Amino acid sequence: MSVLKVIEVLSSSPTSWEDAAQKAVEKASKSVKHIRSVYVQDQSAQVTNGSITEYRVNLKLTFEIE
C-alpha cells in the first residue's frame, strides 16, 4: 500500500504556461522523490505595456511517501 502526499508549488516563465509547469516539476524533483502527477490549479500572466511578460502557474504535485 502506498501513501501519497500533495504539495502546492508556484512557478513562472517568460515563455509559456507549459514551460512554467515543466520548470516547477524539474526544480521540485531535485528535493522531492517519486513525483506521480501534477495538477495545474491556476494559470495567470503578468502584462506590461499590452504584452504578456510572464506566465505563472499554481500546481499541485502528488508524490509517494517512502
PDB file of N, CA and C in Angstrom:
ATOM      1  N   MET A   1       0.846  -1.175   0.000  1.00  0.00           N
ATOM      2  CA  MET A   1       0.000   0.000   0.000  1.00  0.00           C
ATOM      3  C   MET A   1       0.892   1.239   0.000  1.00  0.00           C
ATOM      4  N   SER A   2       0.573   2.192  -0.828  1.00  0.00           N
ATOM      5  CA  SER A   2       1.368   3.412  -0.878  1.00  0.00           C
ATOM      6  C   SER A   2       0.588   4.576  -0.273  1.00  0.00           C
ATOM      7  N   VAL A   3       1.350   5.516   0.255  1.00  0.00           N
ATOM      8  CA  VAL A   3       0.785   6.736   0.823  1.00  0.00           C
ATOM      9  C   VAL A   3       1.266   7.891  -0.037  1.00  0.00           C
ATOM     10  N   LEU A   4       0.340   8.746  -0.453  1.00  0.00           N
ATOM     11  CA  LEU A   4       0.666   9.872  -1.311  1.00  0.00           C
ATOM     12  C   LEU A   4       0.471  11.182  -0.569  1.00  0.00           C
ATOM     13  N   LYS A   5       1.261  12.166  -0.939  1.00  0.00           N
ATOM     14  CA  LYS A   5       1.153  13.498  -0.352  1.00  0.00           C
ATOM     15  C   LYS A   5       1.037  14.510  -1.478  1.00  0.00           C
ATOM     16  N   VAL A   6       0.352  15.620  -1.220  1.00  0.00           N
ATOM     17  CA  VAL A   6       0.177  16.679  -2.210  1.00  0.00           C
ATOM     18  C   VAL A   6       0.768  17.966  -1.646  1.00  0.00           C
ATOM     19  N   ILE A   7       1.581  18.630  -2.476  1.00  0.00           N
ATOM     20  CA  ILE A   7       2.109  19.940  -2.100  1.00  0.00           C
ATOM     21  C   ILE A   7       1.752  20.942  -3.190  1.00  0.00           C
ATOM     22  N   GLU A   8       1.722  22.199  -2.823  1.00  0.00           N
ATOM     23  CA  GLU A   8       1.413  23.261  -3.768  1.00  0.00           C
ATOM     24  C   GLU A   8       2.702  23.971  -4.153  1.00  0.00           C
ATOM     25  N   VAL A   9       2.876  24.213  -5.453  1.00  0.00           N
ATOM     26  CA  VAL A   9       4.092  24.830  -5.971  1.00  0.00           C
ATOM     27  C   VAL A   9       3.703  25.945  -6.937  1.00  0.00           C
ATOM     28  N   LEU A  10       4.405  27.071  -6.847  1.00  0.00           N
ATOM     29  CA  LEU A  10       4.198  28.186  -7.766  1.00  0.00           C
ATOM     30  C   LEU A  10       5.423  28.317  -8.652  1.00  0.00           C
ATOM     31  N   SER A  11       5.212  28.638  -9.929  1.00  0.00           N
ATOM     32  CA  SER A  11       6.326  28.782 -10.862  1.00  0.00           C
ATOM     33  C   SER A  11       5.969  29.803 -11.931  1.00  0.00           C
ATOM     34  N   SER A  12       7.001  30.321 -12.594  1.00  0.00           N
ATOM     35  CA  SER A  12       6.758  31.282 -13.675  1.00  0.00           C
ATOM     36  C   SER A  12       7.769  31.088 -14.789  1.00  0.00           C
ATOM     37  N   SER A  13       7.430  31.624 -15.956  1.00  0.00           N
ATOM     38  CA  SER A  13       8.295  31.532 -17.132  1.00  0.00           C
ATOM     39  C   SER A  13       7.981  32.699 -18.065  1.00  0.00           C
ATOM     40  N   PRO A  14       8.990  33.216 -18.737  1.00  0.00           N
ATOM     41  CA  PRO A  14       8.722  34.251 -19.740  1.00  0.00           C
ATOM     42  C   PRO A  14       8.215  33.670 -21.060  1.00  0.00           C
ATOM     43  N   THR A  15       8.237  32.332 -21.189  1.00  0.00           N
ATOM     44  CA  THR A  15       7.921  31.656 -22.455  1.00  0.00           C
ATOM     45  C   THR A  15       6.468  31.200 -22.568  1.00  0.00           C
ATOM     46  N   SER A  16       6.007  30.371 -21.592  1.00  0.00           N
ATOM     47  CA  SER A  16       4.666  29.788 -21.692  1.00  0.00           C
ATOM     48  C   SER A  16       4.247  29.170 -20.364  1.00  0.00           C
ATOM     49  N   TRP A  17       2.958  28.833 -20.250  1.00  0.00           N
ATOM     50  CA  TRP A  17       2.459  28.132 -19.060  1.00  0.00           C
ATOM     51  C   TRP A  17       3.065  26.732 -18.993  1.00  0.00           C
ATOM     52  N   GLU A  18       3.209  26.088 -20.145  1.00  0.00           N
ATOM     53  CA  GLU A  18       3.798  24.750 -20.176  1.00  0.00           C
ATOM     54  C   GLU A  18       5.238  24.770 -19.663  1.00  0.00           C
ATOM     55  N   ASP A  19       5.991  25.786 -20.066  1.00  0.00           N
ATOM     56  CA  ASP A  19       7.372  25.911 -19.608  1.00  0.00           C
ATOM     57  C   ASP A  19       7.417  26.173 -18.105  1.00  0.00           C
ATOM     58  N   ALA A  20       6.504  26.968 -17.603  1.00  0.00           N
ATOM     59  CA  ALA A  20       6.444  27.238 -16.158  1.00  0.00           C
ATOM     60  C   ALA A  20       6.151  25.953 -15.393  1.00  0.00           C
ATOM     61  N   ALA A  21       5.238  25.136 -15.899  1.00  0.00           N
ATOM     62  CA  ALA A  21       4.909  23.865 -15.250  1.00  0.00           C
ATOM     63  C   ALA A  21       6.100  22.911 -15.290  1.00  0.00           C
ATOM     64  N   GLN A  22       6.779  22.828 -16.431  1.00  0.00           N
ATOM     65  CA  GLN A  22       7.944  21.953 -16.562  1.00  0.00           C
ATOM     66  C   GLN A  22       9.052  22.374 -15.607  1.00  0.00           C
ATOM     67  N   LYS A  23       9.292  23.671 -15.497  1.00  0.00           N
ATOM     68  CA  LYS A  23      10.320  24.166 -14.579  1.00  0.00           C
ATOM     69  C   LYS A  23       9.974  23.819 -13.134  1.00  0.00           C
ATOM     70  N   ALA A  24       8.710  23.910 -12.775  1.00  0.00           N
ATOM     71  CA  ALA A  24       8.285  23.575 -11.416  1.00  0.00           C
ATOM     72  C   ALA A  24       8.563  22.109 -11.107  1.00  0.00           C
ATOM     73  N   VAL A  25       8.232  21.218 -12.037  1.00  0.00           N
ATOM     74  CA  VAL A  25       8.451  19.785 -11.823  1.00  0.00           C
ATOM     75  C   VAL A  25       9.948  19.484 -11.755  1.00  0.00           C
ATOM     76  N   GLU A  26      10.728  20.067 -12.641  1.00  0.00           N
ATOM     77  CA  GLU A  26      12.177  19.834 -12.643  1.00  0.00           C
ATOM     78  C   GLU A  26      12.811  20.280 -11.333  1.00  0.00           C
ATOM     79  N   LYS A  27      12.443  21.470 -10.864  1.00  0.00           N
ATOM     80  CA  LYS A  27      13.010  22.001  -9.622  1.00  0.00           C
ATOM     81  C   LYS A  27      12.558  21.180  -8.420  1.00  0.00           C
ATOM     82  N   ALA A  28      11.272  20.862  -8.354  1.00  0.00           N
ATOM     83  CA  ALA A  28      10.753  20.086  -7.220  1.00  0.00           C
ATOM     84  C   ALA A  28      11.370  18.696  -7.171  1.00  0.00           C
ATOM     85  N   SER A  29      11.633  18.100  -8.326  1.00  0.00           N
ATOM     86  CA  SER A  29      12.163  16.740  -8.357  1.00  0.00           C
ATOM     87  C   SER A  29      13.588  16.646  -7.811  1.00  0.00           C
ATOM     88  N   LYS A  30      14.251  17.772  -7.615  1.00  0.00           N
ATOM     89  CA  LYS A  30      15.583  17.766  -7.016  1.00  0.00           C
ATOM     90  C   LYS A  30      15.530  17.457  -5.518  1.00  0.00           C
ATOM     91  N   SER A  31      14.399  17.789  -4.876  1.00  0.00           N
ATOM     92  CA  SER A  31      14.276  17.526  -3.440  1.00  0.00           C
ATOM     93  C   SER A  31      13.098  16.614  -3.092  1.00  0.00           C
ATOM     94  N   VAL A  32      12.163  16.435  -4.003  1.00  0.00           N
ATOM     95  CA  VAL A  32      11.005  15.571  -3.767  1.00  0.00           C
ATOM     96  C   VAL A  32      11.103  14.363  -4.689  1.00  0.00           C
ATOM     97  N   LYS A  33      11.135  13.190  -4.113  1.00  0.00           N
ATOM     98  CA  LYS A  33      11.265  11.961  -4.903  1.00  0.00           C
ATOM     99  C   LYS A  33       9.891  11.347  -5.191  1.00  0.00           C
ATOM    100  N   HIS A  34       9.831  10.554  -6.221  1.00  0.00           N
ATOM    101  CA  HIS A  34       8.637   9.770  -6.575  1.00  0.00           C
ATOM    102  C   HIS A  34       7.417  10.637  -6.919  1.00  0.00           C
ATOM    103  N   ILE A  35       7.628  11.724  -7.676  1.00  0.00           N
ATOM    104  CA  ILE A  35       6.501  12.551  -8.120  1.00  0.00           C
ATOM    105  C   ILE A  35       5.658  11.709  -9.069  1.00  0.00           C
ATOM    106  N   ARG A  36       4.365  11.633  -8.789  1.00  0.00           N
ATOM    107  CA  ARG A  36       3.450  10.799  -9.584  1.00  0.00           C
ATOM    108  C   ARG A  36       2.632  11.607 -10.590  1.00  0.00           C
ATOM    109  N   SER A  37       2.195  12.806 -10.168  1.00  0.00           N
ATOM    110  CA  SER A  37       1.347  13.585 -11.063  1.00  0.00           C
ATOM    111  C   SER A  37       1.414  15.061 -10.698  1.00  0.00           C
ATOM    112  N   VAL A  38       0.935  15.860 -11.620  1.00  0.00           N
ATOM    113  CA  VAL A  38       0.865  17.304 -11.399  1.00  0.00           C
ATOM    114  C   VAL A  38      -0.501  17.779 -11.882  1.00  0.00           C
ATOM    115  N   TYR A  39      -1.120  18.637 -11.091  1.00  0.00           N
ATOM    116  CA  TYR A  39      -2.429  19.199 -11.419  1.00  0.00           C
ATOM    117  C   TYR A  39      -2.266  20.709 -11.495  1.00  0.00           C
ATOM    118  N   VAL A  40      -2.550  21.290 -12.646  1.00  0.00           N
ATOM    119  CA  VAL A  40      -2.464  22.737 -12.796  1.00  0.00           C
ATOM    120  C   VAL A  40      -3.743  23.335 -12.220  1.00  0.00           C
ATOM    121  N   GLN A  41      -3.590  23.979 -11.080  1.00  0.00           N
ATOM    122  CA  GLN A  41      -4.740  24.536 -10.379  1.00  0.00           C
ATOM    123  C   GLN A  41      -5.127  25.906 -10.928  1.00  0.00           C
ATOM    124  N   ASP A  42      -4.129  26.737 -11.216  1.00  0.00           N
ATOM    125  CA  ASP A  42      -4.375  28.100 -11.686  1.00  0.00           C
ATOM    126  C   ASP A  42      -3.329  28.503 -12.709  1.00  0.00           C
ATOM    127  N   GLN A  43      -3.751  29.359 -13.620  1.00  0.00           N
ATOM    128  CA  GLN A  43      -2.837  29.980 -14.567  1.00  0.00           C
ATOM    129  C   GLN A  43      -3.100  31.473 -14.548  1.00  0.00           C
ATOM    130  N   SER A  44      -2.037  32.248 -14.615  1.00  0.00           N
ATOM    131  CA  SER A  44      -2.188  33.700 -14.708  1.00  0.00           C
ATOM    132  C   SER A  44      -1.005  34.241 -15.488  1.00  0.00           C
ATOM    133  N   ALA A  45      -1.068  35.505 -15.829  1.00  0.00           N
ATOM    134  CA  ALA A  45       0.020  36.123 -16.580  1.00  0.00           C
ATOM    135  C   ALA A  45       0.180  37.572 -16.152  1.00  0.00           C
ATOM    136  N   GLN A  46       1.420  38.025 -16.213  1.00  0.00           N
ATOM    137  CA  GLN A  46       1.707  39.433 -15.945  1.00  0.00           C
ATOM    138  C   GLN A  46       1.750  40.143 -17.286  1.00  0.00           C
ATOM    139  N   VAL A  47       1.142  41.306 -17.348  1.00  0.00           N
ATOM    140  CA  VAL A  47       1.083  42.074 -18.590  1.00  0.00           C
ATOM    141  C   VAL A  47       1.787  43.409 -18.386  1.00  0.00           C
ATOM    142  N   THR A  48       2.659  43.757 -19.329  1.00  0.00           N
ATOM    143  CA  THR A  48       3.348  45.036 -19.310  1.00  0.00           C
ATOM    144  C   THR A  48       3.222  45.668 -20.688  1.00  0.00           C
ATOM    145  N   ASN A  49       2.727  46.891 -20.733  1.00  0.00           N
ATOM    146  CA  ASN A  49       2.564  47.625 -21.998  1.00  0.00           C
ATOM    147  C   ASN A  49       1.789  46.835 -23.050  1.00  0.00           C
ATOM    148  N   GLY A  50       0.742  46.157 -22.617  1.00  0.00           N
ATOM    149  CA  GLY A  50      -0.119  45.437 -23.546  1.00  0.00           C
ATOM    150  C   GLY A  50       0.384  44.088 -24.015  1.00  0.00           C
ATOM    151  N   SER A  51       1.477  43.590 -23.439  1.00  0.00           N
ATOM    152  CA  SER A  51       2.014  42.284 -23.823  1.00  0.00           C
ATOM    153  C   SER A  51       2.253  41.421 -22.591  1.00  0.00           C
ATOM    154  N   ILE A  52       2.089  40.127 -22.765  1.00  0.00           N
ATOM    155  CA  ILE A  52       2.370  39.199 -21.666  1.00  0.00           C
ATOM    156  C   ILE A  52       3.880  39.102 -21.491  1.00  0.00           C
ATOM    157  N   THR A  53       4.336  39.330 -20.257  1.00  0.00           N
ATOM    158  CA  THR A  53       5.765  39.287 -19.967  1.00  0.00           C
ATOM    159  C   THR A  53       6.148  38.114 -19.075  1.00  0.00           C
ATOM    160  N   GLU A  54       5.152  37.511 -18.412  1.00  0.00           N
ATOM    161  CA  GLU A  54       5.446  36.377 -17.548  1.00  0.00           C
ATOM    162  C   GLU A  54       4.205  35.502 -17.403  1.00  0.00           C
ATOM    163  N   TYR A  55       4.395  34.200 -17.611  1.00  0.00           N
ATOM    164  CA  TYR A  55       3.335  33.214 -17.433  1.00  0.00           C
ATOM    165  C   TYR A  55       3.523  32.571 -16.069  1.00  0.00           C
ATOM    166  N   ARG A  56       2.433  32.427 -15.305  1.00  0.00           N
ATOM    167  CA  ARG A  56       2.520  31.875 -13.958  1.00  0.00           C
ATOM    168  C   ARG A  56       1.555  30.708 -13.801  1.00  0.00           C
ATOM    169  N   VAL A  57       2.007  29.686 -13.061  1.00  0.00           N
ATOM    170  CA  VAL A  57       1.157  28.533 -12.769  1.00  0.00           C
ATOM    171  C   VAL A  57       1.202  28.225 -11.284  1.00  0.00           C
ATOM    172  N   ASN A  58       0.090  27.740 -10.791  1.00  0.00           N
ATOM    173  CA  ASN A  58      -0.038  27.240  -9.427  1.00  0.00           C
ATOM    174  C   ASN A  58      -0.347  25.755  -9.582  1.00  0.00           C
ATOM    175  N   LEU A  59       0.587  24.903  -9.142  1.00  0.00           N
ATOM    176  CA  LEU A  59       0.469  23.464  -9.346  1.00  0.00           C
ATOM    177  C   LEU A  59       0.283  22.715  -8.040  1.00  0.00           C
ATOM    178  N   LYS A  60      -0.362  21.572  -8.138  1.00  0.00           N
ATOM    179  CA  LYS A  60      -0.399  20.624  -7.028  1.00  0.00           C
ATOM    180  C   LYS A  60       0.372  19.391  -7.489  1.00  0.00           C
ATOM    181  N   LEU A  61       1.468  19.088  -6.773  1.00  0.00           N
ATOM    182  CA  LEU A  61       2.289  17.925  -7.083  1.00  0.00           C
ATOM    183  C   LEU A  61       1.935  16.797  -6.146  1.00  0.00           C
ATOM    184  N   THR A  62       1.723  15.615  -6.699  1.00  0.00           N
ATOM    185  CA  THR A  62       1.433  14.429  -5.883  1.00  0.00           C
ATOM    186  C   THR A  62       2.642  13.508  -5.932  1.00  0.00           C
ATOM    187  N   PHE A  63       3.086  13.068  -4.757  1.00  0.00           N
ATOM    188  CA  PHE A  63       4.239  12.176  -4.715  1.00  0.00           C
ATOM    189  C   PHE A  63       4.035  11.105  -3.634  1.00  0.00           C
ATOM    190  N   GLU A  64       4.754  10.004  -3.826  1.00  0.00           N
ATOM    191  CA  GLU A  64       4.655   8.883  -2.910  1.00  0.00           C
ATOM    192  C   GLU A  64       5.625   9.072  -1.754  1.00  0.00           C
ATOM    193  N   ILE A  65       5.135   8.821  -0.542  1.00  0.00           N
ATOM    194  CA  ILE A  65       5.970   8.890   0.659  1.00  0.00           C
ATOM    195  C   ILE A  65       6.601   7.512   0.861  1.00  0.00           C
ATOM    196  N   GLU A  66       7.910   7.508   1.099  1.00  0.00           N
ATOM    197  CA  GLU A  66       8.622   6.234   1.300  1.00  0.00           C
ATOM    198  C   GLU A  66       8.374   5.683   2.682  1.00  0.00           C
TER     199      GLU A  66
END
